[in-house]
Amino acid sequence: MSTKVRLWRWRRNPLRRGSDVAEAWAVVAAGVLLAIGAPAVGASTAVGVEAATLRESQDWHRASAVLTENAPATAALYTGSDNGRVRATVRWTASDGSSRTGRALVKPGTDSGARVTIWLDEHGALQNPPATPDAARAQGIVMGSFAATSTCLLVLGGRWLVRVRLDRRRAAEWESEWAEVGPKWGHRTA
């Protein structure tokens, strides 16, 4: 005959220990953090990363440059976020009138001498093209998912650590109680 005893850690019971109540509260706290905290961290991270990615290129401006070499005909197998573009050396005139060169992303197979669009930051340094809103949103989603997953792992790790510490405490309590009761066990008194 088996009987389910629900919420036994919360009821008054002479066998209930303080560590049982502490473990029950740790389960409740972990559940709340998993249900509310992890999604909140993920969502706020996603929104923040998306906004920061879009804000990063806010002060950049377009400029025209001349390709000083033939661009490679094909992109590498893995180009990351280069969108099928290749790097080639370009020359442009800075706002102070000086000529500058650098490596920028261009369409594959572009011939030397062709005019291309480049992006410069507020200091005139060459930058990759800014992220599109869709790319910024995707980056935010990835980072938000990573943050939510990390939060879940952190909460579950903390819950596991609390349980291990409580189990060690219970084992020490049982050992001290057995040391007191054990020698009397089996001895009959007259």
C-alpha atoms as a PDB file:
ATOM      1  CA  MET A   1       0.000   0.000   0.000  1.00  0.00           C
ATOM      2  CA  SER A   2       1.549   3.257  -1.103  1.00  0.00           C
ATOM      3  CA  THR A   3       0.358   6.697  -0.204  1.00  0.00           C
ATOM      4  CA  LYS A   4       1.574   9.877  -1.847  1.00  0.00           C
ATOM      5  CA  VAL A   5       2.495  12.512   0.663  1.00  0.00           C
ATOM      6  CA  ARG A   6       2.487  15.865  -1.048  1.00  0.00           C
ATOM      7  CA  LEU A   7       4.205  18.940   0.243  1.00  0.00           C
ATOM      8  CA  TRP A   8       5.548  17.041   3.251  1.00  0.00           C
ATOM      9  CA  ARG A   9       8.330  19.553   3.722  1.00  0.00           C
ATOM     10  CA  TRP A  10       5.808  22.311   4.386  1.00  0.00           C
ATOM     11  CA  ARG A  11       3.561  20.547   6.900  1.00  0.00           C
ATOM     12  CA  ARG A  12       4.192  20.390  10.598  1.00  0.00           C
ATOM     13  CA  ASN A  13       5.807  17.084  11.329  1.00  0.00           C
ATOM     14  CA  PRO A  14       8.089  15.913  14.145  1.00  0.00           C
ATOM     15  CA  LEU A  15      10.413  14.342  11.546  1.00  0.00           C
ATOM     16  CA  ARG A  16      10.716  17.498   9.471  1.00  0.00           C
ATOM     17  CA  ARG A  17      14.161  19.034   9.689  1.00  0.00           C
ATOM     18  CA  GLY A  18      15.259  22.580   9.041  1.00  0.00           C
ATOM     19  CA  SER A  19      17.280  21.349   6.082  1.00  0.00           C
ATOM     20  CA  ASP A  20      14.075  19.948   4.549  1.00  0.00           C
ATOM     21  CA  VAL A  21      12.443  23.376   4.699  1.00  0.00           C
ATOM     22  CA  ALA A  22      15.594  25.015   3.312  1.00  0.00           C
ATOM     23  CA  GLU A  23      15.625  22.561   0.417  1.00  0.00           C
ATOM     24  CA  ALA A  24      11.949  23.214  -0.302  1.00  0.00           C
ATOM     25  CA  TRP A  25      12.584  26.976  -0.437  1.00  0.00           C
ATOM     26  CA  ALA A  26      15.579  26.394  -2.723  1.00  0.00           C
ATOM     27  CA  VAL A  27      13.323  24.447  -5.115  1.00  0.00           C
ATOM     28  CA  VAL A  28      10.742  27.260  -5.085  1.00  0.00           C
ATOM     29  CA  ALA A  29      13.414  29.917  -5.681  1.00  0.00           C
ATOM     30  CA  ALA A  30      14.980  27.923  -8.513  1.00  0.00           C
ATOM     31  CA  GLY A  31      11.569  27.409 -10.111  1.00  0.00           C
ATOM     32  CA  VAL A  32      10.736  31.112  -9.970  1.00  0.00           C
ATOM     33  CA  LEU A  33      14.137  32.059 -11.386  1.00  0.00           C
ATOM     34  CA  LEU A  34      13.794  29.517 -14.198  1.00  0.00           C
ATOM     35  CA  ALA A  35      10.230  30.549 -15.036  1.00  0.00           C
ATOM     36  CA  ILE A  36      10.615  34.321 -14.762  1.00  0.00           C
ATOM     37  CA  GLY A  37      14.287  35.238 -14.446  1.00  0.00           C
ATOM     38  CA  ALA A  38      15.778  33.363 -17.398  1.00  0.00           C
ATOM     39  CA  PRO A  39      13.245  34.656 -19.968  1.00  0.00           C
ATOM     40  CA  ALA A  40      13.600  38.192 -18.584  1.00  0.00           C
ATOM     41  CA  VAL A  41      17.403  38.043 -18.856  1.00  0.00           C
ATOM     42  CA  GLY A  42      17.166  36.607 -22.364  1.00  0.00           C
ATOM     43  CA  ALA A  43      14.691  39.217 -23.583  1.00  0.00           C
ATOM     44  CA  SER A  44      16.555  42.168 -22.087  1.00  0.00           C
ATOM     45  CA  THR A  45      19.845  40.909 -23.530  1.00  0.00           C
ATOM     46  CA  ALA A  46      18.287  40.450 -26.977  1.00  0.00           C
ATOM     47  CA  VAL A  47      16.828  43.962 -26.975  1.00  0.00           C
ATOM     48  CA  GLY A  48      20.061  45.485 -25.682  1.00  0.00           C
ATOM     49  CA  VAL A  49      22.296  43.718 -28.203  1.00  0.00           C
ATOM     50  CA  GLU A  50      19.999  44.634 -31.087  1.00  0.00           C
ATOM     51  CA  ALA A  51      19.921  48.294 -30.043  1.00  0.00           C
ATOM     52  CA  ALA A  52      23.686  48.408 -29.482  1.00  0.00           C
ATOM     53  CA  THR A  53      24.367  46.821 -32.871  1.00  0.00           C
ATOM     54  CA  LEU A  54      22.177  49.376 -34.641  1.00  0.00           C
ATOM     55  CA  ARG A  55      23.545  52.282 -32.578  1.00  0.00           C
ATOM     56  CA  GLU A  56      27.161  51.268 -33.293  1.00  0.00           C
ATOM     57  CA  SER A  57      27.009  52.430 -36.903  1.00  0.00           C
ATOM     58  CA  GLN A  58      24.891  55.510 -36.276  1.00  0.00           C
ATOM     59  CA  ASP A  59      27.794  57.940 -36.775  1.00  0.00           C
ATOM     60  CA  TRP A  60      29.256  56.167 -39.802  1.00  0.00           C
ATOM     61  CA  HIS A  61      28.998  57.600 -43.287  1.00  0.00           C
ATOM     62  CA  ARG A  62      29.385  56.329 -46.826  1.00  0.00           C
ATOM     63  CA  ALA A  63      32.302  57.286 -48.979  1.00  0.00           C
ATOM     64  CA  SER A  64      33.446  56.442 -52.461  1.00  0.00           C
ATOM     65  CA  ALA A  65      36.728  54.602 -53.027  1.00  0.00           C
ATOM     66  CA  VAL A  66      38.696  53.211 -55.963  1.00  0.00           C
ATOM     67  CA  LEU A  67      39.729  49.558 -56.087  1.00  0.00           C
ATOM     68  CA  THR A  68      43.543  49.366 -56.428  1.00  0.00           C
ATOM     69  CA  GLU A  69      43.626  45.651 -57.290  1.00  0.00           C
ATOM     70  CA  ASN A  70      41.379  43.072 -58.882  1.00  0.00           C
ATOM     71  CA  ALA A  71      39.104  41.542 -56.297  1.00  0.00           C
ATOM     72  CA  PRO A  72      39.285  37.740 -55.944  1.00  0.00           C
ATOM     73  CA  ALA A  73      36.743  36.012 -58.182  1.00  0.00           C
ATOM     74  CA  THR A  74      35.233  33.852 -55.445  1.00  0.00           C
ATOM     75  CA  ALA A  75      34.614  34.244 -51.754  1.00  0.00           C
ATOM     76  CA  ALA A  76      36.123  31.805 -49.261  1.00  0.00           C
ATOM     77  CA  LEU A  77      33.973  28.834 -48.238  1.00  0.00           C
ATOM     78  CA  TYR A  78      33.204  30.444 -44.910  1.00  0.00           C
ATOM     79  CA  THR A  79      32.813  34.198 -45.046  1.00  0.00           C
ATOM     80  CA  GLY A  80      30.965  34.717 -41.780  1.00  0.00           C
ATOM     81  CA  SER A  81      28.929  37.920 -42.000  1.00  0.00           C
ATOM     82  CA  ASP A  82      30.645  39.145 -45.194  1.00  0.00           C
ATOM     83  CA  ASN A  83      27.535  38.259 -47.273  1.00  0.00           C
ATOM     84  CA  GLY A  84      29.563  36.683 -50.063  1.00  0.00           C
ATOM     85  CA  ARG A  85      31.878  39.664 -50.410  1.00  0.00           C
ATOM     86  CA  VAL A  86      35.671  39.541 -50.537  1.00  0.00           C
ATOM     87  CA  ARG A  87      38.353  41.817 -49.159  1.00  0.00           C
ATOM     88  CA  ALA A  88      40.381  43.951 -51.533  1.00  0.00           C
ATOM     89  CA  THR A  89      42.579  47.041 -51.242  1.00  0.00           C
ATOM     90  CA  VAL A  90      40.850  50.367 -51.874  1.00  0.00           C
ATOM     91  CA  ARG A  91      41.996  54.016 -51.922  1.00  0.00           C
ATOM     92  CA  TRP A  92      39.911  56.994 -50.862  1.00  0.00           C
ATOM     93  CA  THR A  93      40.367  60.656 -50.051  1.00  0.00           C
ATOM     94  CA  ALA A  94      39.909  61.558 -46.382  1.00  0.00           C
ATOM     95  CA  SER A  95      38.051  64.683 -45.220  1.00  0.00           C
ATOM     96  CA  ASP A  96      41.406  66.455 -44.707  1.00  0.00           C
ATOM     97  CA  GLY A  97      42.333  65.819 -48.364  1.00  0.00           C
ATOM     98  CA  SER A  98      44.913  63.090 -47.716  1.00  0.00           C
ATOM     99  CA  SER A  99      44.863  59.834 -49.661  1.00  0.00           C
ATOM    100  CA  ARG A 100      44.294  56.673 -47.623  1.00  0.00           C
ATOM    101  CA  THR A 101      44.259  52.975 -48.393  1.00  0.00           C
ATOM    102  CA  GLY A 102      42.775  49.981 -46.646  1.00  0.00           C
ATOM    103  CA  ARG A 103      41.070  46.639 -47.188  1.00  0.00           C
ATOM    104  CA  ALA A 104      37.315  46.766 -47.647  1.00  0.00           C
ATOM    105  CA  LEU A 105      34.571  44.299 -48.545  1.00  0.00           C
ATOM    106  CA  VAL A 106      33.672  44.383 -52.249  1.00  0.00           C
ATOM    107  CA  LYS A 107      31.791  42.185 -54.722  1.00  0.00           C
ATOM    108  CA  PRO A 108      33.843  39.216 -55.959  1.00  0.00           C
ATOM    109  CA  GLY A 109      35.477  39.694 -59.360  1.00  0.00           C
ATOM    110  CA  THR A 110      35.389  43.516 -59.320  1.00  0.00           C
ATOM    111  CA  ASP A 111      38.122  44.940 -61.576  1.00  0.00           C
ATOM    112  CA  SER A 112      40.889  47.296 -60.493  1.00  0.00           C
ATOM    113  CA  GLY A 113      39.919  50.977 -60.895  1.00  0.00           C
ATOM    114  CA  ALA A 114      36.227  50.393 -60.208  1.00  0.00           C
ATOM    115  CA  ARG A 115      34.453  52.703 -57.791  1.00  0.00           C
ATOM    116  CA  VAL A 116      33.057  51.030 -54.669  1.00  0.00           C
ATOM    117  CA  THR A 117      31.174  52.241 -51.614  1.00  0.00           C
ATOM    118  CA  ILE A 118      32.980  52.066 -48.270  1.00  0.00           C
ATOM    119  CA  TRP A 119      31.940  52.965 -44.726  1.00  0.00           C
ATOM    120  CA  LEU A 120      33.974  55.286 -42.478  1.00  0.00           C
ATOM    121  CA  ASP A 121      33.449  55.924 -38.770  1.00  0.00           C
ATOM    122  CA  GLU A 122      33.485  59.365 -37.123  1.00  0.00           C
ATOM    123  CA  HIS A 123      37.314  59.267 -37.009  1.00  0.00           C
ATOM    124  CA  GLY A 124      37.649  58.378 -40.694  1.00  0.00           C
ATOM    125  CA  ALA A 125      38.656  54.763 -40.058  1.00  0.00           C
ATOM    126  CA  LEU A 126      37.486  52.129 -42.534  1.00  0.00           C
ATOM    127  CA  GLN A 127      34.660  49.907 -41.218  1.00  0.00           C
ATOM    128  CA  ASN A 128      32.693  46.937 -42.491  1.00  0.00           C
ATOM    129  CA  PRO A 129      29.202  47.805 -43.764  1.00  0.00           C
ATOM    130  CA  PRO A 130      26.761  48.372 -40.885  1.00  0.00           C
ATOM    131  CA  ALA A 131      24.443  45.594 -39.806  1.00  0.00           C
ATOM    132  CA  THR A 132      20.975  45.547 -41.293  1.00  0.00           C
ATOM    133  CA  PRO A 133      18.015  45.608 -38.898  1.00  0.00           C
ATOM    134  CA  ASP A 134      17.399  41.918 -39.646  1.00  0.00           C
ATOM    135  CA  ALA A 135      21.039  41.036 -38.922  1.00  0.00           C
ATOM    136  CA  ALA A 136      20.935  43.080 -35.691  1.00  0.00           C
ATOM    137  CA  ARG A 137      17.729  41.301 -34.652  1.00  0.00           C
ATOM    138  CA  ALA A 138      19.265  37.896 -35.396  1.00  0.00           C
ATOM    139  CA  GLN A 139      22.359  38.772 -33.388  1.00  0.00           C
ATOM    140  CA  GLY A 140      20.130  39.918 -30.518  1.00  0.00           C
ATOM    141  CA  ILE A 141      18.146  36.672 -30.615  1.00  0.00           C
ATOM    142  CA  VAL A 142      21.312  34.563 -30.562  1.00  0.00           C
ATOM    143  CA  MET A 143      22.835  36.492 -27.668  1.00  0.00           C
ATOM    144  CA  GLY A 144      19.500  36.560 -25.791  1.00  0.00           C
ATOM    145  CA  SER A 145      19.159  32.798 -26.164  1.00  0.00           C
ATOM    146  CA  PHE A 146      22.702  32.342 -24.921  1.00  0.00           C
ATOM    147  CA  ALA A 147      22.027  34.601 -21.919  1.00  0.00           C
ATOM    148  CA  ALA A 148      18.790  32.775 -21.034  1.00  0.00           C
ATOM    149  CA  THR A 149      20.484  29.384 -21.339  1.00  0.00           C
ATOM    150  CA  SER A 150      23.409  30.569 -19.215  1.00  0.00           C
ATOM    151  CA  THR A 151      20.986  31.850 -16.587  1.00  0.00           C
ATOM    152  CA  CYS A 152      19.214  28.480 -16.502  1.00  0.00           C
ATOM    153  CA  LEU A 153      22.513  26.650 -16.111  1.00  0.00           C
ATOM    154  CA  LEU A 154      23.581  29.044 -13.360  1.00  0.00           C
ATOM    155  CA  VAL A 155      20.297  28.593 -11.462  1.00  0.00           C
ATOM    156  CA  LEU A 156      20.381  24.810 -11.815  1.00  0.00           C
ATOM    157  CA  GLY A 157      24.030  24.766 -10.726  1.00  0.00           C
ATOM    158  CA  GLY A 158      23.163  26.870  -7.681  1.00  0.00           C
ATOM    159  CA  ARG A 159      20.251  24.579  -6.848  1.00  0.00           C
ATOM    160  CA  TRP A 160      22.533  21.537  -7.139  1.00  0.00           C
ATOM    161  CA  LEU A 161      25.134  23.199  -4.903  1.00  0.00           C
ATOM    162  CA  VAL A 162      22.508  23.988  -2.243  1.00  0.00           C
ATOM    163  CA  ARG A 163      21.314  20.385  -2.320  1.00  0.00           C
ATOM    164  CA  VAL A 164      24.843  19.000  -1.996  1.00  0.00           C
ATOM    165  CA  ARG A 165      25.547  21.273   0.980  1.00  0.00           C
ATOM    166  CA  LEU A 166      22.269  20.314   2.655  1.00  0.00           C
ATOM    167  CA  ASP A 167      22.942  16.599   2.067  1.00  0.00           C
ATOM    168  CA  ARG A 168      26.365  16.966   3.687  1.00  0.00           C
ATOM    169  CA  ARG A 169      24.802  18.800   6.621  1.00  0.00           C
ATOM    170  CA  ARG A 170      22.144  16.083   7.030  1.00  0.00           C
ATOM    171  CA  ALA A 171      24.794  13.356   6.869  1.00  0.00           C
ATOM    172  CA  ALA A 172      26.805  15.126   9.581  1.00  0.00           C
ATOM    173  CA  GLU A 173      23.687  15.465  11.745  1.00  0.00           C
ATOM    174  CA  TRP A 174      22.821  11.796  11.275  1.00  0.00           C
ATOM    175  CA  GLU A 175      26.376  10.788  12.153  1.00  0.00           C
ATOM    176  CA  SER A 176      26.374  12.814  15.375  1.00  0.00           C
ATOM    177  CA  GLU A 177      22.958  11.461  16.346  1.00  0.00           C
ATOM    178  CA  TRP A 178      24.067   7.906  15.633  1.00  0.00           C
ATOM    179  CA  ALA A 179      27.200   8.447  17.715  1.00  0.00           C
ATOM    180  CA  GLU A 180      24.922   9.296  20.605  1.00  0.00           C
ATOM    181  CA  VAL A 181      22.339   6.539  20.071  1.00  0.00           C
ATOM    182  CA  GLY A 182      24.548   3.794  18.601  1.00  0.00           C
ATOM    183  CA  PRO A 183      26.318   2.674  21.810  1.00  0.00           C
ATOM    184  CA  LYS A 184      22.959   2.291  23.559  1.00  0.00           C
ATOM    185  CA  TRP A 185      21.472   0.252  20.742  1.00  0.00           C
ATOM    186  CA  GLY A 186      20.865  -3.368  21.640  1.00  0.00           C
ATOM    187  CA  HIS A 187      21.726  -2.968  25.326  1.00  0.00           C
ATOM    188  CA  ARG A 188      18.984  -4.146  27.599  1.00  0.00           C
ATOM    189  CA  THR A 189      18.359  -2.576  30.892  1.00  0.00           C
ATOM    190  CA  ALA A 190      17.166  -4.664  33.761  1.00  0.00           C
END
